[in-house]
Amino acid sequence: MNRPSDKFLDETIKFWQPRMRRELSREDARQIAENLSGFFRVLLEWDAQKQVCHEGPYAVSNHGELPPAKVSSKLEASTT
């Protein structure tokens, strides 16, 4: 990961400082940015996995139910 610019870190401090009980350093700002970046990276990964799950043969319907199972023609013939 590239090192964030001092200007970016200063803007991060400016945004987060009013929400904190202690004075933030540039190192604090770097960690905040890294943590937020990681958080959104995980959300993107989850979304990508969800997209894959909704496109496969066992995709979940809009109502959270699995699609009906396909019965082979041999099984149908033996049960009728």
N, C-alpha and C. Protein backbone atom coordinates (compact mmCIF):
# COMPACT_ATOMS: atom_id res chain seq x y z
N MET A 1 0.85 -1.19 0.00
CA MET A 1 0.00 0.00 0.00
C MET A 1 0.89 1.23 0.00
N ASN A 2 0.52 2.20 -0.83
CA ASN A 2 1.28 3.44 -0.88
C ASN A 2 1.03 4.26 0.37
N ARG A 3 2.06 5.01 0.75
CA ARG A 3 1.94 5.88 1.92
C ARG A 3 1.04 7.06 1.57
N PRO A 4 0.01 7.32 2.39
CA PRO A 4 -0.88 8.46 2.11
C PRO A 4 -0.12 9.78 2.24
N SER A 5 -0.55 10.75 1.46
CA SER A 5 0.10 12.07 1.51
C SER A 5 -0.20 12.76 2.84
N ASP A 6 0.66 13.70 3.19
CA ASP A 6 0.42 14.47 4.42
C ASP A 6 -0.89 15.24 4.33
N LYS A 7 -1.21 15.73 3.14
CA LYS A 7 -2.46 16.46 2.96
C LYS A 7 -3.66 15.54 3.25
N PHE A 8 -3.61 14.31 2.73
CA PHE A 8 -4.69 13.35 2.98
C PHE A 8 -4.81 13.05 4.47
N LEU A 9 -3.67 12.84 5.14
CA LEU A 9 -3.70 12.55 6.57
C LEU A 9 -4.25 13.74 7.36
N ASP A 10 -3.86 14.94 6.96
CA ASP A 10 -4.38 16.14 7.63
C ASP A 10 -5.90 16.26 7.45
N GLU A 11 -6.39 15.94 6.26
CA GLU A 11 -7.84 15.96 6.01
C GLU A 11 -8.55 14.88 6.83
N THR A 12 -7.91 13.74 6.96
CA THR A 12 -8.48 12.66 7.77
C THR A 12 -8.58 13.11 9.22
N ILE A 13 -7.54 13.73 9.73
CA ILE A 13 -7.56 14.25 11.10
C ILE A 13 -8.67 15.29 11.25
N LYS A 14 -8.75 16.19 10.27
CA LYS A 14 -9.76 17.25 10.31
C LYS A 14 -11.18 16.66 10.39
N PHE A 15 -11.41 15.57 9.65
CA PHE A 15 -12.73 14.94 9.66
C PHE A 15 -13.00 14.21 10.97
N TRP A 16 -12.04 13.43 11.45
CA TRP A 16 -12.27 12.54 12.59
C TRP A 16 -12.04 13.21 13.94
N GLN A 17 -11.24 14.26 14.02
CA GLN A 17 -10.90 14.87 15.31
C GLN A 17 -12.12 15.26 16.14
N PRO A 18 -13.15 15.89 15.55
CA PRO A 18 -14.32 16.26 16.36
C PRO A 18 -15.05 15.06 16.98
N ARG A 19 -14.80 13.88 16.46
CA ARG A 19 -15.49 12.68 16.94
C ARG A 19 -14.67 11.90 17.96
N MET A 20 -13.48 12.38 18.27
CA MET A 20 -12.56 11.67 19.15
C MET A 20 -12.37 12.43 20.46
N ARG A 21 -11.98 11.70 21.50
CA ARG A 21 -11.78 12.31 22.82
C ARG A 21 -10.33 12.73 23.03
N ARG A 22 -9.45 12.32 22.13
CA ARG A 22 -8.04 12.67 22.28
C ARG A 22 -7.50 13.24 20.98
N GLU A 23 -6.37 13.88 21.06
CA GLU A 23 -5.73 14.47 19.90
C GLU A 23 -5.23 13.36 18.96
N LEU A 24 -5.53 13.49 17.67
CA LEU A 24 -5.10 12.49 16.70
C LEU A 24 -3.77 12.88 16.06
N SER A 25 -2.93 11.89 15.87
CA SER A 25 -1.66 12.11 15.18
C SER A 25 -1.81 11.67 13.72
N ARG A 26 -0.81 11.95 12.92
CA ARG A 26 -0.84 11.47 11.54
C ARG A 26 -0.81 9.94 11.50
N GLU A 27 -0.13 9.32 12.45
CA GLU A 27 -0.13 7.87 12.52
C GLU A 27 -1.55 7.35 12.81
N ASP A 28 -2.27 8.03 13.70
CA ASP A 28 -3.67 7.67 13.96
C ASP A 28 -4.48 7.79 12.67
N ALA A 29 -4.27 8.88 11.94
CA ALA A 29 -5.00 9.11 10.69
C ALA A 29 -4.66 8.03 9.67
N ARG A 30 -3.41 7.62 9.59
CA ARG A 30 -3.00 6.56 8.67
C ARG A 30 -3.72 5.25 9.02
N GLN A 31 -3.79 4.94 10.31
CA GLN A 31 -4.46 3.71 10.75
C GLN A 31 -5.96 3.77 10.48
N ILE A 32 -6.55 4.91 10.70
CA ILE A 32 -7.98 5.08 10.41
C ILE A 32 -8.24 4.83 8.93
N ALA A 33 -7.43 5.44 8.07
CA ALA A 33 -7.61 5.27 6.63
C ALA A 33 -7.39 3.82 6.21
N GLU A 34 -6.38 3.19 6.79
CA GLU A 34 -6.11 1.79 6.47
C GLU A 34 -7.26 0.89 6.91
N ASN A 35 -7.78 1.13 8.10
CA ASN A 35 -8.90 0.33 8.61
C ASN A 35 -10.16 0.52 7.77
N LEU A 36 -10.45 1.75 7.39
CA LEU A 36 -11.63 2.00 6.55
C LEU A 36 -11.47 1.36 5.18
N SER A 37 -10.28 1.45 4.64
CA SER A 37 -10.00 0.83 3.35
C SER A 37 -10.20 -0.68 3.44
N GLY A 38 -9.70 -1.29 4.49
CA GLY A 38 -9.87 -2.72 4.69
C GLY A 38 -11.33 -3.10 4.86
N PHE A 39 -12.07 -2.29 5.59
CA PHE A 39 -13.50 -2.54 5.81
C PHE A 39 -14.25 -2.57 4.48
N PHE A 40 -14.02 -1.55 3.65
CA PHE A 40 -14.72 -1.50 2.37
C PHE A 40 -14.23 -2.58 1.41
N ARG A 41 -12.97 -2.99 1.53
CA ARG A 41 -12.46 -4.09 0.72
C ARG A 41 -13.22 -5.39 1.07
N VAL A 42 -13.45 -5.61 2.35
CA VAL A 42 -14.20 -6.80 2.79
C VAL A 42 -15.64 -6.73 2.27
N LEU A 43 -16.27 -5.57 2.34
CA LEU A 43 -17.63 -5.44 1.82
C LEU A 43 -17.68 -5.75 0.33
N LEU A 44 -16.69 -5.28 -0.43
CA LEU A 44 -16.64 -5.57 -1.85
C LEU A 44 -16.45 -7.07 -2.11
N GLU A 45 -15.60 -7.71 -1.31
CA GLU A 45 -15.40 -9.16 -1.45
C GLU A 45 -16.69 -9.91 -1.15
N TRP A 46 -17.39 -9.52 -0.10
CA TRP A 46 -18.65 -10.17 0.24
C TRP A 46 -19.66 -9.99 -0.89
N ASP A 47 -19.72 -8.78 -1.44
CA ASP A 47 -20.65 -8.52 -2.53
C ASP A 47 -20.31 -9.37 -3.74
N ALA A 48 -19.03 -9.51 -4.04
CA ALA A 48 -18.61 -10.33 -5.17
C ALA A 48 -18.99 -11.79 -4.93
N GLN A 49 -18.80 -12.29 -3.71
CA GLN A 49 -19.18 -13.66 -3.39
C GLN A 49 -20.69 -13.84 -3.49
N LYS A 50 -21.42 -12.85 -3.06
CA LYS A 50 -22.88 -12.91 -3.12
C LYS A 50 -23.34 -12.98 -4.58
N GLN A 51 -22.69 -12.21 -5.45
CA GLN A 51 -23.03 -12.23 -6.87
C GLN A 51 -22.79 -13.62 -7.46
N VAL A 52 -21.69 -14.25 -7.09
CA VAL A 52 -21.37 -15.59 -7.57
C VAL A 52 -22.42 -16.58 -7.07
N CYS A 53 -22.81 -16.47 -5.81
CA CYS A 53 -23.80 -17.38 -5.22
C CYS A 53 -25.15 -17.26 -5.91
N HIS A 54 -25.49 -16.10 -6.38
CA HIS A 54 -26.80 -15.88 -7.01
C HIS A 54 -26.82 -16.27 -8.48
N GLU A 55 -25.68 -16.70 -9.02
CA GLU A 55 -25.65 -17.06 -10.43
C GLU A 55 -25.44 -18.55 -10.65
N GLY A 56 -25.09 -19.30 -9.61
CA GLY A 56 -24.79 -20.72 -9.77
C GLY A 56 -26.03 -21.58 -9.80
N PRO A 57 -25.85 -22.92 -9.93
CA PRO A 57 -27.00 -23.83 -10.00
C PRO A 57 -27.80 -23.90 -8.71
N TYR A 58 -27.20 -23.49 -7.61
CA TYR A 58 -27.90 -23.51 -6.32
C TYR A 58 -28.17 -22.09 -5.84
N ALA A 59 -28.39 -21.22 -6.77
CA ALA A 59 -28.61 -19.81 -6.44
C ALA A 59 -29.86 -19.67 -5.58
N VAL A 60 -29.82 -18.72 -4.68
CA VAL A 60 -30.94 -18.46 -3.79
C VAL A 60 -31.89 -17.50 -4.47
N SER A 61 -33.19 -17.77 -4.37
CA SER A 61 -34.19 -16.89 -4.99
C SER A 61 -34.30 -15.59 -4.20
N ASN A 62 -35.11 -14.70 -4.71
CA ASN A 62 -35.32 -13.41 -4.04
C ASN A 62 -35.94 -13.57 -2.66
N HIS A 63 -36.59 -14.71 -2.43
CA HIS A 63 -37.26 -14.92 -1.15
C HIS A 63 -36.42 -15.74 -0.18
N GLY A 64 -35.15 -15.98 -0.53
CA GLY A 64 -34.27 -16.71 0.36
C GLY A 64 -34.47 -18.21 0.33
N GLU A 65 -35.16 -18.72 -0.70
CA GLU A 65 -35.41 -20.15 -0.80
C GLU A 65 -34.57 -20.74 -1.93
N LEU A 66 -34.19 -21.99 -1.77
CA LEU A 66 -33.48 -22.68 -2.84
C LEU A 66 -34.47 -23.02 -3.95
N PRO A 67 -33.99 -23.06 -5.20
CA PRO A 67 -34.89 -23.45 -6.29
C PRO A 67 -35.27 -24.91 -6.14
N PRO A 68 -36.36 -25.33 -6.76
CA PRO A 68 -36.78 -26.73 -6.65
C PRO A 68 -35.71 -27.66 -7.22
N ALA A 69 -35.58 -28.80 -6.60
CA ALA A 69 -34.60 -29.78 -7.04
C ALA A 69 -35.05 -30.38 -8.36
N LYS A 70 -34.07 -30.65 -9.23
CA LYS A 70 -34.38 -31.29 -10.50
C LYS A 70 -34.35 -32.80 -10.29
N VAL A 71 -35.41 -33.46 -10.72
CA VAL A 71 -35.51 -34.91 -10.57
C VAL A 71 -35.12 -35.53 -11.90
N SER A 72 -34.25 -36.49 -11.87
CA SER A 72 -33.83 -37.12 -13.13
C SER A 72 -35.00 -37.89 -13.72
N SER A 73 -34.98 -38.08 -15.05
CA SER A 73 -36.07 -38.77 -15.74
C SER A 73 -36.15 -40.24 -15.30
N LYS A 74 -35.02 -40.88 -14.95
CA LYS A 74 -35.04 -42.26 -14.48
C LYS A 74 -35.79 -42.36 -13.15
N LEU A 75 -35.56 -41.39 -12.27
CA LEU A 75 -36.23 -41.40 -10.98
C LEU A 75 -37.72 -41.16 -11.16
N GLU A 76 -38.09 -40.25 -12.05
CA GLU A 76 -39.50 -39.99 -12.30
C GLU A 76 -40.19 -41.24 -12.84
N ALA A 77 -39.53 -41.94 -13.74
CA ALA A 77 -40.13 -43.14 -14.34
C ALA A 77 -40.34 -44.24 -13.31
N SER A 78 -39.42 -44.35 -12.35
CA SER A 78 -39.55 -45.41 -11.36
C SER A 78 -40.59 -45.08 -10.29
N THR A 79 -40.95 -43.82 -10.15
CA THR A 79 -41.91 -43.45 -9.10
C THR A 79 -43.32 -43.32 -9.65
N THR A 80 -43.49 -43.40 -10.97
CA THR A 80 -44.84 -43.23 -11.54
C THR A 80 -45.41 -44.54 -11.96
